[in-house]
Amino acid sequence: MVTVYSYVLDTLADWELGYVTSELNSGRFFKEGQQRLSLKMVSYSTETIYTMGDLQ
């Protein structure tokens, strides 16, 4: 399985990643039988990150 990492910063604008993460997760534009992707969020800290939309 291929893993895609998204580096999340404090006050990230939520909508910036919305399009790409939803398409990577759905897999609807991948070839038939292609392996799925694993999406992981990473950060510089173990503290809770708050986006501009106040998601945690």
PDB file of N, CA and C in Angstrom:
ATOM      1  N   MET A   1       0.843  -1.180   0.000  1.00  0.00           N
ATOM      2  CA  MET A   1       0.000   0.000   0.000  1.00  0.00           C
ATOM      3  C   MET A   1       0.889   1.245   0.000  1.00  0.00           C
ATOM      4  N   VAL A   2       0.514   2.218  -0.792  1.00  0.00           N
ATOM      5  CA  VAL A   2       1.233   3.487  -0.869  1.00  0.00           C
ATOM      6  C   VAL A   2       0.660   4.424   0.191  1.00  0.00           C
ATOM      7  N   THR A   3       1.540   5.127   0.896  1.00  0.00           N
ATOM      8  CA  THR A   3       1.115   6.065   1.926  1.00  0.00           C
ATOM      9  C   THR A   3       1.414   7.486   1.479  1.00  0.00           C
ATOM     10  N   VAL A   4       0.416   8.349   1.602  1.00  0.00           N
ATOM     11  CA  VAL A   4       0.565   9.773   1.301  1.00  0.00           C
ATOM     12  C   VAL A   4       0.519  10.518   2.624  1.00  0.00           C
ATOM     13  N   TYR A   5       1.550  11.313   2.897  1.00  0.00           N
ATOM     14  CA  TYR A   5       1.623  12.075   4.135  1.00  0.00           C
ATOM     15  C   TYR A   5       1.285  13.536   3.868  1.00  0.00           C
ATOM     16  N   SER A   6       0.470  14.102   4.733  1.00  0.00           N
ATOM     17  CA  SER A   6       0.137  15.515   4.650  1.00  0.00           C
ATOM     18  C   SER A   6       0.670  16.191   5.907  1.00  0.00           C
ATOM     19  N   TYR A   7       1.530  17.174   5.725  1.00  0.00           N
ATOM     20  CA  TYR A   7       2.128  17.894   6.839  1.00  0.00           C
ATOM     21  C   TYR A   7       1.177  19.007   7.259  1.00  0.00           C
ATOM     22  N   VAL A   8       0.686  18.937   8.478  1.00  0.00           N
ATOM     23  CA  VAL A   8      -0.333  19.857   8.970  1.00  0.00           C
ATOM     24  C   VAL A   8       0.290  20.876   9.922  1.00  0.00           C
ATOM     25  N   LEU A   9       0.067  22.153   9.621  1.00  0.00           N
ATOM     26  CA  LEU A   9       0.560  23.241  10.461  1.00  0.00           C
ATOM     27  C   LEU A   9      -0.591  23.864  11.236  1.00  0.00           C
ATOM     28  N   ASP A  10      -0.272  24.472  12.361  1.00  0.00           N
ATOM     29  CA  ASP A  10      -1.266  25.197  13.142  1.00  0.00           C
ATOM     30  C   ASP A  10      -1.863  26.305  12.276  1.00  0.00           C
ATOM     31  N   THR A  11      -3.145  26.501  12.369  1.00  0.00           N
ATOM     32  CA  THR A  11      -3.942  27.471  11.596  1.00  0.00           C
ATOM     33  C   THR A  11      -3.994  27.136  10.101  1.00  0.00           C
ATOM     34  N   LEU A  12      -3.810  25.874   9.744  1.00  0.00           N
ATOM     35  CA  LEU A  12      -3.967  25.440   8.364  1.00  0.00           C
ATOM     36  C   LEU A  12      -5.368  25.786   7.877  1.00  0.00           C
ATOM     37  N   ALA A  13      -5.496  26.240   6.650  1.00  0.00           N
ATOM     38  CA  ALA A  13      -6.812  26.499   6.068  1.00  0.00           C
ATOM     39  C   ALA A  13      -7.412  25.154   5.660  1.00  0.00           C
ATOM     40  N   ASP A  14      -8.514  24.775   6.280  1.00  0.00           N
ATOM     41  CA  ASP A  14      -9.132  23.459   6.084  1.00  0.00           C
ATOM     42  C   ASP A  14      -9.377  23.118   4.620  1.00  0.00           C
ATOM     43  N   TRP A  15      -9.846  24.078   3.860  1.00  0.00           N
ATOM     44  CA  TRP A  15     -10.252  23.829   2.484  1.00  0.00           C
ATOM     45  C   TRP A  15      -9.083  23.576   1.552  1.00  0.00           C
ATOM     46  N   GLU A  16      -7.873  23.916   1.960  1.00  0.00           N
ATOM     47  CA  GLU A  16      -6.722  23.726   1.083  1.00  0.00           C
ATOM     48  C   GLU A  16      -6.463  22.254   0.771  1.00  0.00           C
ATOM     49  N   LEU A  17      -6.739  21.378   1.701  1.00  0.00           N
ATOM     50  CA  LEU A  17      -6.490  19.954   1.488  1.00  0.00           C
ATOM     51  C   LEU A  17      -7.747  19.174   1.130  1.00  0.00           C
ATOM     52  N   GLY A  18      -8.893  19.800   1.216  1.00  0.00           N
ATOM     53  CA  GLY A  18     -10.157  19.098   1.025  1.00  0.00           C
ATOM     54  C   GLY A  18     -10.294  18.397  -0.310  1.00  0.00           C
ATOM     55  N   TYR A  19      -9.962  19.058  -1.396  1.00  0.00           N
ATOM     56  CA  TYR A  19     -10.127  18.460  -2.720  1.00  0.00           C
ATOM     57  C   TYR A  19      -9.189  17.275  -2.928  1.00  0.00           C
ATOM     58  N   VAL A  20      -7.930  17.463  -2.615  1.00  0.00           N
ATOM     59  CA  VAL A  20      -6.962  16.392  -2.886  1.00  0.00           C
ATOM     60  C   VAL A  20      -7.170  15.195  -1.957  1.00  0.00           C
ATOM     61  N   THR A  21      -7.445  15.417  -0.687  1.00  0.00           N
ATOM     62  CA  THR A  21      -7.631  14.275   0.214  1.00  0.00           C
ATOM     63  C   THR A  21      -8.896  13.490  -0.117  1.00  0.00           C
ATOM     64  N   SER A  22      -9.962  14.173  -0.507  1.00  0.00           N
ATOM     65  CA  SER A  22     -11.188  13.446  -0.848  1.00  0.00           C
ATOM     66  C   SER A  22     -11.000  12.608  -2.114  1.00  0.00           C
ATOM     67  N   GLU A  23     -10.296  13.123  -3.096  1.00  0.00           N
ATOM     68  CA  GLU A  23     -10.072  12.359  -4.334  1.00  0.00           C
ATOM     69  C   GLU A  23      -9.105  11.197  -4.116  1.00  0.00           C
ATOM     70  N   LEU A  24      -8.049  11.421  -3.344  1.00  0.00           N
ATOM     71  CA  LEU A  24      -7.124  10.325  -3.058  1.00  0.00           C
ATOM     72  C   LEU A  24      -7.813   9.216  -2.272  1.00  0.00           C
ATOM     73  N   ASN A  25      -8.678   9.587  -1.354  1.00  0.00           N
ATOM     74  CA  ASN A  25      -9.379   8.596  -0.539  1.00  0.00           C
ATOM     75  C   ASN A  25     -10.433   7.843  -1.346  1.00  0.00           C
ATOM     76  N   SER A  26     -11.132   8.541  -2.244  1.00  0.00           N
ATOM     77  CA  SER A  26     -12.193   7.885  -3.021  1.00  0.00           C
ATOM     78  C   SER A  26     -11.622   6.928  -4.062  1.00  0.00           C
ATOM     79  N   GLY A  27     -10.492   7.268  -4.650  1.00  0.00           N
ATOM     80  CA  GLY A  27      -9.871   6.416  -5.657  1.00  0.00           C
ATOM     81  C   GLY A  27     -10.612   6.384  -6.983  1.00  0.00           C
ATOM     82  N   ARG A  28     -11.572   7.262  -7.208  1.00  0.00           N
ATOM     83  CA  ARG A  28     -12.399   7.174  -8.407  1.00  0.00           C
ATOM     84  C   ARG A  28     -11.668   7.521  -9.696  1.00  0.00           C
ATOM     85  N   PHE A  29     -10.512   8.154  -9.620  1.00  0.00           N
ATOM     86  CA  PHE A  29      -9.746   8.464 -10.826  1.00  0.00           C
ATOM     87  C   PHE A  29      -8.546   7.539 -11.024  1.00  0.00           C
ATOM     88  N   PHE A  30      -8.452   6.495 -10.211  1.00  0.00           N
ATOM     89  CA  PHE A  30      -7.372   5.522 -10.359  1.00  0.00           C
ATOM     90  C   PHE A  30      -7.789   4.438 -11.345  1.00  0.00           C
ATOM     91  N   LYS A  31      -6.821   3.786 -11.946  1.00  0.00           N
ATOM     92  CA  LYS A  31      -7.111   2.685 -12.853  1.00  0.00           C
ATOM     93  C   LYS A  31      -7.788   1.552 -12.091  1.00  0.00           C
ATOM     94  N   GLU A  32      -8.604   0.790 -12.813  1.00  0.00           N
ATOM     95  CA  GLU A  32      -9.285  -0.366 -12.230  1.00  0.00           C
ATOM     96  C   GLU A  32      -8.262  -1.346 -11.653  1.00  0.00           C
ATOM     97  N   GLY A  33      -8.470  -1.764 -10.418  1.00  0.00           N
ATOM     98  CA  GLY A  33      -7.579  -2.725  -9.775  1.00  0.00           C
ATOM     99  C   GLY A  33      -6.338  -2.113  -9.142  1.00  0.00           C
ATOM    100  N   GLN A  34      -6.183  -0.816  -9.238  1.00  0.00           N
ATOM    101  CA  GLN A  34      -5.026  -0.130  -8.645  1.00  0.00           C
ATOM    102  C   GLN A  34      -5.117  -0.200  -7.127  1.00  0.00           C
ATOM    103  N   GLN A  35      -3.973  -0.352  -6.462  1.00  0.00           N
ATOM    104  CA  GLN A  35      -3.999  -0.413  -5.003  1.00  0.00           C
ATOM    105  C   GLN A  35      -4.424   0.920  -4.397  1.00  0.00           C
ATOM    106  N   ARG A  36      -5.062   0.838  -3.250  1.00  0.00           N
ATOM    107  CA  ARG A  36      -5.568   2.027  -2.556  1.00  0.00           C
ATOM    108  C   ARG A  36      -4.419   2.775  -1.887  1.00  0.00           C
ATOM    109  N   LEU A  37      -4.689   4.028  -1.544  1.00  0.00           N
ATOM    110  CA  LEU A  37      -3.726   4.861  -0.837  1.00  0.00           C
ATOM    111  C   LEU A  37      -4.104   4.944   0.631  1.00  0.00           C
ATOM    112  N   SER A  38      -3.102   5.095   1.463  1.00  0.00           N
ATOM    113  CA  SER A  38      -3.309   5.352   2.883  1.00  0.00           C
ATOM    114  C   SER A  38      -2.939   6.808   3.130  1.00  0.00           C
ATOM    115  N   LEU A  39      -3.868   7.579   3.698  1.00  0.00           N
ATOM    116  CA  LEU A  39      -3.618   8.990   3.985  1.00  0.00           C
ATOM    117  C   LEU A  39      -3.270   9.167   5.456  1.00  0.00           C
ATOM    118  N   LYS A  40      -2.161   9.825   5.725  1.00  0.00           N
ATOM    119  CA  LYS A  40      -1.717  10.078   7.102  1.00  0.00           C
ATOM    120  C   LYS A  40      -1.451  11.562   7.281  1.00  0.00           C
ATOM    121  N   MET A  41      -1.858  12.085   8.425  1.00  0.00           N
ATOM    122  CA  MET A  41      -1.568  13.477   8.767  1.00  0.00           C
ATOM    123  C   MET A  41      -0.404  13.486   9.757  1.00  0.00           C
ATOM    124  N   VAL A  42       0.579  14.326   9.488  1.00  0.00           N
ATOM    125  CA  VAL A  42       1.735  14.443  10.372  1.00  0.00           C
ATOM    126  C   VAL A  42       1.936  15.909  10.735  1.00  0.00           C
ATOM    127  N   SER A  43       2.634  16.129  11.858  1.00  0.00           N
ATOM    128  CA  SER A  43       2.872  17.488  12.321  1.00  0.00           C
ATOM    129  C   SER A  43       4.215  17.556  13.037  1.00  0.00           C
ATOM    130  N   TYR A  44       4.641  18.752  13.331  1.00  0.00           N
ATOM    131  CA  TYR A  44       5.905  18.986  14.015  1.00  0.00           C
ATOM    132  C   TYR A  44       5.784  18.789  15.515  1.00  0.00           C
ATOM    133  N   SER A  45       4.570  18.615  16.027  1.00  0.00           N
ATOM    134  CA  SER A  45       4.337  18.604  17.462  1.00  0.00           C
ATOM    135  C   SER A  45       3.340  17.511  17.838  1.00  0.00           C
ATOM    136  N   THR A  46       3.380  17.099  19.090  1.00  0.00           N
ATOM    137  CA  THR A  46       2.369  16.167  19.589  1.00  0.00           C
ATOM    138  C   THR A  46       1.184  16.924  20.179  1.00  0.00           C
ATOM    139  N   GLU A  47       1.281  18.254  20.221  1.00  0.00           N
ATOM    140  CA  GLU A  47       0.182  19.089  20.698  1.00  0.00           C
ATOM    141  C   GLU A  47      -0.956  19.071  19.669  1.00  0.00           C
ATOM    142  N   THR A  48      -2.161  19.350  20.112  1.00  0.00           N
ATOM    143  CA  THR A  48      -3.297  19.426  19.212  1.00  0.00           C
ATOM    144  C   THR A  48      -3.130  20.585  18.245  1.00  0.00           C
ATOM    145  N   ILE A  49      -3.367  20.343  16.978  1.00  0.00           N
ATOM    146  CA  ILE A  49      -3.293  21.372  15.949  1.00  0.00           C
ATOM    147  C   ILE A  49      -4.705  21.883  15.686  1.00  0.00           C
ATOM    148  N   TYR A  50      -4.893  23.178  15.618  1.00  0.00           N
ATOM    149  CA  TYR A  50      -6.181  23.789  15.329  1.00  0.00           C
ATOM    150  C   TYR A  50      -6.114  24.444  13.960  1.00  0.00           C
ATOM    151  N   THR A  51      -7.022  24.056  13.080  1.00  0.00           N
ATOM    152  CA  THR A  51      -7.064  24.661  11.749  1.00  0.00           C
ATOM    153  C   THR A  51      -7.823  25.980  11.825  1.00  0.00           C
ATOM    154  N   MET A  52      -7.860  26.704  10.728  1.00  0.00           N
ATOM    155  CA  MET A  52      -8.591  27.970  10.693  1.00  0.00           C
ATOM    156  C   MET A  52     -10.091  27.773  10.938  1.00  0.00           C
ATOM    157  N   GLY A  53     -10.609  26.606  10.555  1.00  0.00           N
ATOM    158  CA  GLY A  53     -12.020  26.285  10.790  1.00  0.00           C
ATOM    159  C   GLY A  53     -12.258  25.678  12.150  1.00  0.00           C
ATOM    160  N   ASP A  54     -11.246  25.658  13.006  1.00  0.00           N
ATOM    161  CA  ASP A  54     -11.276  25.143  14.366  1.00  0.00           C
ATOM    162  C   ASP A  54     -11.430  23.617  14.436  1.00  0.00           C
ATOM    163  N   LEU A  55     -11.032  22.910  13.374  1.00  0.00           N
ATOM    164  CA  LEU A  55     -10.963  21.446  13.471  1.00  0.00           C
ATOM    165  C   LEU A  55      -9.711  21.092  14.253  1.00  0.00           C
ATOM    166  N   GLN A  56      -9.779  19.993  14.957  1.00  0.00           N
ATOM    167  CA  GLN A  56      -8.627  19.577  15.766  1.00  0.00           C
ATOM    168  C   GLN A  56      -8.049  18.284  15.258  1.00  0.00           C
TER     169      GLN A  56
END
